PDB file of N, CA and C in Angstrom:
ATOM      1  N   MET A   1     156.708  48.015  43.259  1.00  0.00           N
ATOM      2  CA  MET A   1     155.407  48.520  42.936  1.00  0.00           C
ATOM      3  C   MET A   1     155.276  50.013  43.907  1.00  0.00           C
ATOM      4  N   PRO A   2     155.860  51.358  43.787  1.00  0.00           N
ATOM      5  CA  PRO A   2     154.933  51.995  44.390  1.00  0.00           C
ATOM      6  C   PRO A   2     153.853  51.941  45.425  1.00  0.00           C
ATOM      7  N   ALA A   3     153.300  52.271  46.396  1.00  0.00           N
ATOM      8  CA  ALA A   3     151.731  52.022  47.431  1.00  0.00           C
ATOM      9  C   ALA A   3     151.718  53.568  47.195  1.00  0.00           C
ATOM     10  N   THR A   4     150.515  53.641  46.924  1.00  0.00           N
ATOM     11  CA  THR A   4     149.857  54.856  46.856  1.00  0.00           C
ATOM     12  C   THR A   4     148.714  55.276  47.545  1.00  0.00           C
ATOM     13  N   THR A   5     149.122  56.700  48.516  1.00  0.00           N
ATOM     14  CA  THR A   5     148.476  56.756  49.268  1.00  0.00           C
ATOM     15  C   THR A   5     147.605  57.867  49.193  1.00  0.00           C
ATOM     16  N   ALA A   6     146.344  58.018  49.811  1.00  0.00           N
ATOM     17  CA  ALA A   6     145.273  58.952  49.387  1.00  0.00           C
ATOM     18  C   ALA A   6     145.577  60.016  50.579  1.00  0.00           C
ATOM     19  N   VAL A   7     145.459  61.399  49.849  1.00  0.00           N
ATOM     20  CA  VAL A   7     145.364  62.348  50.414  1.00  0.00           C
ATOM     21  C   VAL A   7     144.330  63.332  50.484  1.00  0.00           C
ATOM     22  N   PRO A   8     143.693  63.360  52.119  1.00  0.00           N
ATOM     23  CA  PRO A   8     142.376  63.799  51.582  1.00  0.00           C
ATOM     24  C   PRO A   8     142.445  65.173  51.988  1.00  0.00           C
ATOM     25  N   THR A   9     141.477  65.951  51.044  1.00  0.00           N
ATOM     26  CA  THR A   9     141.363  66.960  51.005  1.00  0.00           C
ATOM     27  C   THR A   9     139.895  67.878  51.372  1.00  0.00           C
ATOM     28  N   PRO A  10     140.293  68.876  52.469  1.00  0.00           N
ATOM     29  CA  PRO A  10     139.488  69.812  53.363  1.00  0.00           C
ATOM     30  C   PRO A  10     137.908  69.543  52.607  1.00  0.00           C
ATOM     31  N   VAL A  11     136.991  69.808  53.401  1.00  0.00           N
ATOM     32  CA  VAL A  11     135.414  70.327  53.070  1.00  0.00           C
ATOM     33  C   VAL A  11     135.769  71.922  53.166  1.00  0.00           C
ATOM     34  N   VAL A  12     135.510  72.779  51.907  1.00  0.00           N
ATOM     35  CA  VAL A  12     135.833  73.888  51.910  1.00  0.00           C
ATOM     36  C   VAL A  12     133.828  74.808  52.292  1.00  0.00           C
ATOM     37  N   LEU A  13     133.076  75.066  53.431  1.00  0.00           N
ATOM     38  CA  LEU A  13     132.157  76.461  53.094  1.00  0.00           C
ATOM     39  C   LEU A  13     132.330  77.363  53.421  1.00  0.00           C
ATOM     40  N   PRO A  14     131.762  78.423  52.773  1.00  0.00           N
ATOM     41  CA  PRO A  14     131.554  79.295  52.448  1.00  0.00           C
ATOM     42  C   PRO A  14     130.309  79.812  53.731  1.00  0.00           C
ATOM     43  N   LEU A  15     131.328  81.324  53.903  1.00  0.00           N
ATOM     44  CA  LEU A  15     130.782  81.525  55.530  1.00  0.00           C
ATOM     45  C   LEU A  15     128.882  81.720  55.386  1.00  0.00           C
ATOM     46  N   PRO A  16     128.582  82.066  54.457  1.00  0.00           N
ATOM     47  CA  PRO A  16     126.681  81.958  54.507  1.00  0.00           C
ATOM     48  C   PRO A  16     126.593  80.567  54.666  1.00  0.00           C
ATOM     49  N   LYS A  17     126.634  79.615  54.034  1.00  0.00           N
ATOM     50  CA  LYS A  17     125.956  78.187  54.313  1.00  0.00           C
ATOM     51  C   LYS A  17     126.216  78.019  55.583  1.00  0.00           C
ATOM     52  N   ALA A  18     127.880  78.380  55.710  1.00  0.00           N
ATOM     53  CA  ALA A  18     128.534  77.530  57.218  1.00  0.00           C
ATOM     54  C   ALA A  18     127.935  78.399  58.193  1.00  0.00           C
ATOM     55  N   MET A  19     127.312  79.535  58.228  1.00  0.00           N
ATOM     56  CA  MET A  19     126.496  80.241  59.237  1.00  0.00           C
ATOM     57  C   MET A  19     124.996  79.496  59.398  1.00  0.00           C
ATOM     58  N   LEU A  20     124.008  78.922  57.900  1.00  0.00           N
ATOM     59  CA  LEU A  20     123.183  78.580  58.036  1.00  0.00           C
ATOM     60  C   LEU A  20     123.198  77.566  58.830  1.00  0.00           C
ATOM     61  N   TRP A  21     123.929  76.612  58.454  1.00  0.00           N
ATOM     62  CA  TRP A  21     124.459  75.304  59.351  1.00  0.00           C
ATOM     63  C   TRP A  21     124.313  75.494  60.690  1.00  0.00           C
ATOM     64  N   LEU A  22     124.960  76.448  61.097  1.00  0.00           N
ATOM     65  CA  LEU A  22     125.257  76.409  62.721  1.00  0.00           C
ATOM     66  C   LEU A  22     123.976  77.170  63.467  1.00  0.00           C
ATOM     67  N   GLY A  23     123.269  77.687  62.262  1.00  0.00           N
ATOM     68  CA  GLY A  23     122.117  78.472  62.940  1.00  0.00           C
ATOM     69  C   GLY A  23     120.988  76.863  63.098  1.00  0.00           C
ATOM     70  N   GLY A  24     120.797  76.502  62.012  1.00  0.00           N
ATOM     71  CA  GLY A  24     119.815  76.137  62.167  1.00  0.00           C
ATOM     72  C   GLY A  24     120.029  74.344  63.081  1.00  0.00           C
ATOM     73  N   THR A  25     121.601  74.410  63.130  1.00  0.00           N
ATOM     74  CA  THR A  25     121.890  73.551  64.652  1.00  0.00           C
ATOM     75  C   THR A  25     121.906  74.451  65.641  1.00  0.00           C
ATOM     76  N   LEU A  26     121.844  74.758  66.204  1.00  0.00           N
ATOM     77  CA  LEU A  26     121.666  75.984  67.064  1.00  0.00           C
ATOM     78  C   LEU A  26     120.069  75.798  67.295  1.00  0.00           C
ATOM     79  N   LEU A  27     119.082  75.751  66.970  1.00  0.00           N
ATOM     80  CA  LEU A  27     117.766  76.496  66.820  1.00  0.00           C
ATOM     81  C   LEU A  27     117.551  74.971  66.842  1.00  0.00           C
ATOM     82  N   PHE A  28     117.623  73.866  66.504  1.00  0.00           N
ATOM     83  CA  PHE A  28     117.425  72.550  66.442  1.00  0.00           C
ATOM     84  C   PHE A  28     117.867  71.846  68.665  1.00  0.00           C
ATOM     85  N   ALA A  29     118.830  72.253  68.705  1.00  0.00           N
ATOM     86  CA  ALA A  29     119.812  72.434  69.911  1.00  0.00           C
ATOM     87  C   ALA A  29     118.688  72.827  70.842  1.00  0.00           C
ATOM     88  N   LEU A  30     118.441  74.132  70.994  1.00  0.00           N
ATOM     89  CA  LEU A  30     117.411  74.415  71.559  1.00  0.00           C
ATOM     90  C   LEU A  30     116.172  73.904  71.843  1.00  0.00           C
ATOM     91  N   ALA A  31     115.596  73.024  70.963  1.00  0.00           N
ATOM     92  CA  ALA A  31     114.406  73.252  71.074  1.00  0.00           C
ATOM     93  C   ALA A  31     114.014  71.708  71.316  1.00  0.00           C
ATOM     94  N   LEU A  32     115.037  71.127  71.007  1.00  0.00           N
ATOM     95  CA  LEU A  32     115.740  69.813  71.504  1.00  0.00           C
ATOM     96  C   LEU A  32     115.908  69.730  73.630  1.00  0.00           C
ATOM     97  N   TYR A  33     116.944  71.112  74.066  1.00  0.00           N
ATOM     98  CA  TYR A  33     117.208  71.283  75.135  1.00  0.00           C
ATOM     99  C   TYR A  33     115.384  71.812  75.892  1.00  0.00           C
ATOM    100  N   TYR A  34     114.719  72.207  75.247  1.00  0.00           N
ATOM    101  CA  TYR A  34     113.505  72.831  75.826  1.00  0.00           C
ATOM    102  C   TYR A  34     112.926  71.600  75.931  1.00  0.00           C
ATOM    103  N   PHE A  35     112.141  70.048  75.022  1.00  0.00           N
ATOM    104  CA  PHE A  35     111.912  69.584  75.195  1.00  0.00           C
ATOM    105  C   PHE A  35     112.002  68.542  76.131  1.00  0.00           C
ATOM    106  N   ILE A  36     113.506  68.580  76.161  1.00  0.00           N
ATOM    107  CA  ILE A  36     114.187  67.604  77.613  1.00  0.00           C
ATOM    108  C   ILE A  36     113.808  68.000  78.866  1.00  0.00           C
ATOM    109  N   GLY A  37     114.465  69.223  78.973  1.00  0.00           N
ATOM    110  CA  GLY A  37     115.069  69.717  79.963  1.00  0.00           C
ATOM    111  C   GLY A  37     113.740  70.826  80.283  1.00  0.00           C
ATOM    112  N   ILE A  38     112.655  71.607  80.011  1.00  0.00           N
ATOM    113  CA  ILE A  38     112.145  72.645  80.602  1.00  0.00           C
ATOM    114  C   ILE A  38     111.091  71.994  80.190  1.00  0.00           C
ATOM    115  N   ASP A  39     109.962  71.509  79.334  1.00  0.00           N
ATOM    116  CA  ASP A  39     108.480  71.178  78.855  1.00  0.00           C
ATOM    117  C   ASP A  39     108.437  70.435  80.462  1.00  0.00           C
ATOM    118  N   GLN A  40     107.427  71.033  81.144  1.00  0.00           N
ATOM    119  CA  GLN A  40     106.674  70.052  82.155  1.00  0.00           C
ATOM    120  C   GLN A  40     105.417  70.035  81.849  1.00  0.00           C
ATOM    121  N   GLY A  41     104.923  69.828  80.561  1.00  0.00           N
ATOM    122  CA  GLY A  41     103.493  69.669  81.235  1.00  0.00           C
ATOM    123  C   GLY A  41     102.354  70.794  80.803  1.00  0.00           C
ATOM    124  N   ALA A  42     102.382  70.553  82.444  1.00  0.00           N
ATOM    125  CA  ALA A  42     100.987  71.621  83.472  1.00  0.00           C
ATOM    126  C   ALA A  42     101.842  73.469  82.905  1.00  0.00           C
ATOM    127  N   THR A  43     102.714  73.737  82.972  1.00  0.00           N
ATOM    128  CA  THR A  43     103.478  74.273  82.208  1.00  0.00           C
ATOM    129  C   THR A  43     104.446  74.969  81.010  1.00  0.00           C
ATOM    130  N   SER A  44     103.591  73.506  80.457  1.00  0.00           N
ATOM    131  CA  SER A  44     103.734  74.074  78.596  1.00  0.00           C
ATOM    132  C   SER A  44     103.329  75.092  77.638  1.00  0.00           C
ATOM    133  N   VAL A  45     104.923  75.475  77.045  1.00  0.00           N
ATOM    134  CA  VAL A  45     103.648  76.495  76.004  1.00  0.00           C
ATOM    135  C   VAL A  45     102.899  75.855  75.879  1.00  0.00           C
ATOM    136  N   PHE A  46     103.531  74.595  74.495  1.00  0.00           N
ATOM    137  CA  PHE A  46     101.751  74.198  73.770  1.00  0.00           C
ATOM    138  C   PHE A  46     100.828  73.861  74.816  1.00  0.00           C
ATOM    139  N   GLY A  47     100.522  74.351  75.528  1.00  0.00           N
ATOM    140  CA  GLY A  47      99.213  73.801  76.479  1.00  0.00           C
ATOM    141  C   GLY A  47      99.622  72.679  77.792  1.00  0.00           C
ATOM    142  N   ASP A  48      98.241  72.634  78.294  1.00  0.00           N
ATOM    143  CA  ASP A  48      98.077  72.181  79.615  1.00  0.00           C
ATOM    144  C   ASP A  48      98.447  70.395  79.563  1.00  0.00           C
ATOM    145  N   ASN A  49      98.933  69.700  79.000  1.00  0.00           N
ATOM    146  CA  ASN A  49      98.605  68.062  78.494  1.00  0.00           C
ATOM    147  C   ASN A  49     100.373  67.434  78.397  1.00  0.00           C
ATOM    148  N   MET A  50     100.550  66.266  78.604  1.00  0.00           N
ATOM    149  CA  MET A  50     101.498  65.784  79.751  1.00  0.00           C
ATOM    150  C   MET A  50     102.649  64.772  78.847  1.00  0.00           C
ATOM    151  N   TYR A  51     101.438  64.484  77.185  1.00  0.00           N
ATOM    152  CA  TYR A  51     102.078  63.671  76.482  1.00  0.00           C
ATOM    153  C   TYR A  51     103.818  64.123  75.903  1.00  0.00           C
ATOM    154  N   ILE A  52     103.971  65.246  75.658  1.00  0.00           N
ATOM    155  CA  ILE A  52     106.065  65.490  75.270  1.00  0.00           C
ATOM    156  C   ILE A  52     106.672  64.805  76.915  1.00  0.00           C
ATOM    157  N   HIS A  53     105.711  65.338  77.960  1.00  0.00           N
ATOM    158  CA  HIS A  53     106.736  65.068  79.054  1.00  0.00           C
ATOM    159  C   HIS A  53     106.576  63.526  79.697  1.00  0.00           C
ATOM    160  N   GLU A  54     105.623  62.965  79.494  1.00  0.00           N
ATOM    161  CA  GLU A  54     105.766  61.385  79.290  1.00  0.00           C
ATOM    162  C   GLU A  54     107.031  60.935  78.734  1.00  0.00           C
ATOM    163  N   PHE A  55     106.504  60.882  77.213  1.00  0.00           N
ATOM    164  CA  PHE A  55     107.282  60.628  76.312  1.00  0.00           C
ATOM    165  C   PHE A  55     108.660  60.949  76.480  1.00  0.00           C
ATOM    166  N   VAL A  56     109.669  61.504  77.426  1.00  0.00           N
ATOM    167  CA  VAL A  56     111.086  62.505  77.673  1.00  0.00           C
ATOM    168  C   VAL A  56     111.037  62.327  78.340  1.00  0.00           C
ATOM    169  N   HIS A  57     110.408  61.526  79.804  1.00  0.00           N
ATOM    170  CA  HIS A  57     110.493  61.226  80.859  1.00  0.00           C
ATOM    171  C   HIS A  57     111.626  60.571  81.068  1.00  0.00           C
ATOM    172  N   ASP A  58     112.171  59.472  80.445  1.00  0.00           N
ATOM    173  CA  ASP A  58     113.137  58.177  81.548  1.00  0.00           C
ATOM    174  C   ASP A  58     114.270  59.627  80.933  1.00  0.00           C
ATOM    175  N   ALA A  59     114.267  60.129  79.528  1.00  0.00           N
ATOM    176  CA  ALA A  59     115.424  60.317  79.167  1.00  0.00           C
ATOM    177  C   ALA A  59     115.854  61.930  80.286  1.00  0.00           C
ATOM    178  N   ARG A  60     114.737  62.610  80.727  1.00  0.00           N
ATOM    179  CA  ARG A  60     115.183  63.552  81.987  1.00  0.00           C
ATOM    180  C   ARG A  60     116.162  63.119  82.663  1.00  0.00           C
ATOM    181  N   HIS A  61     115.208  62.179  83.436  1.00  0.00           N
ATOM    182  CA  HIS A  61     116.115  61.888  84.931  1.00  0.00           C
ATOM    183  C   HIS A  61     117.390  61.102  84.882  1.00  0.00           C
ATOM    184  N   PHE A  62     117.999  60.621  82.889  1.00  0.00           N
ATOM    185  CA  PHE A  62     118.711  60.082  82.418  1.00  0.00           C
ATOM    186  C   PHE A  62     119.624  60.741  82.694  1.00  0.00           C
ATOM    187  N   LEU A  63     119.936  62.352  82.439  1.00  0.00           N
ATOM    188  CA  LEU A  63     120.811  63.535  82.048  1.00  0.00           C
ATOM    189  C   LEU A  63     120.635  64.265  82.991  1.00  0.00           C
ATOM    190  N   GLY A  64     119.909  63.860  84.265  1.00  0.00           N
ATOM    191  CA  GLY A  64     120.157  65.152  85.245  1.00  0.00           C
ATOM    192  C   GLY A  64     118.994  65.759  85.693  1.00  0.00           C
ATOM    193  N   PHE A  65     117.432  65.477  84.793  1.00  0.00           N
ATOM    194  CA  PHE A  65     116.637  67.197  84.407  1.00  0.00           C
ATOM    195  C   PHE A  65     116.114  66.876  85.695  1.00  0.00           C
ATOM    196  N   PRO A  66     115.242  67.274  87.170  1.00  0.00           N
ATOM    197  CA  PRO A  66     114.276  66.606  87.885  1.00  0.00           C
ATOM    198  C   PRO A  66     113.107  67.061  87.562  1.00  0.00           C
ATOM    199  N   CYS A  67     112.235  66.489  87.421  1.00  0.00           N
ATOM    200  CA  CYS A  67     110.437  67.012  86.932  1.00  0.00           C
ATOM    201  C   CYS A  67     109.996  66.201  88.158  1.00  0.00           C
ATOM    202  N   HIS A  68     110.066  65.437  88.953  1.00  0.00           N
ATOM    203  CA  HIS A  68     108.388  65.838  90.471  1.00  0.00           C
ATOM    204  C   HIS A  68     109.619  66.308  91.690  1.00  0.00           C
TER     205      HIS A  68
END
C-alpha cells in the first residue's frame, strides 16, 4: 500500500489585505516600542502619571532601555 504524503498549499493574500495586516502590525509594534522604550512617566504623552512606566519597568531593563 503506497504511503500518501500531504502537499502543503501556500496561502495567497491579496495585496490590499496584506497591506492592511502589515499596517496593523506596524502600528502595534510602534505602540509597544513607545510604551516599553520611550514612555518615561513624567514626560509621557498620556499625562504625568507613572502607571505605564512602573508596569513595564522590569521589561525596560531586560530589553536594555535605561530609565533612571
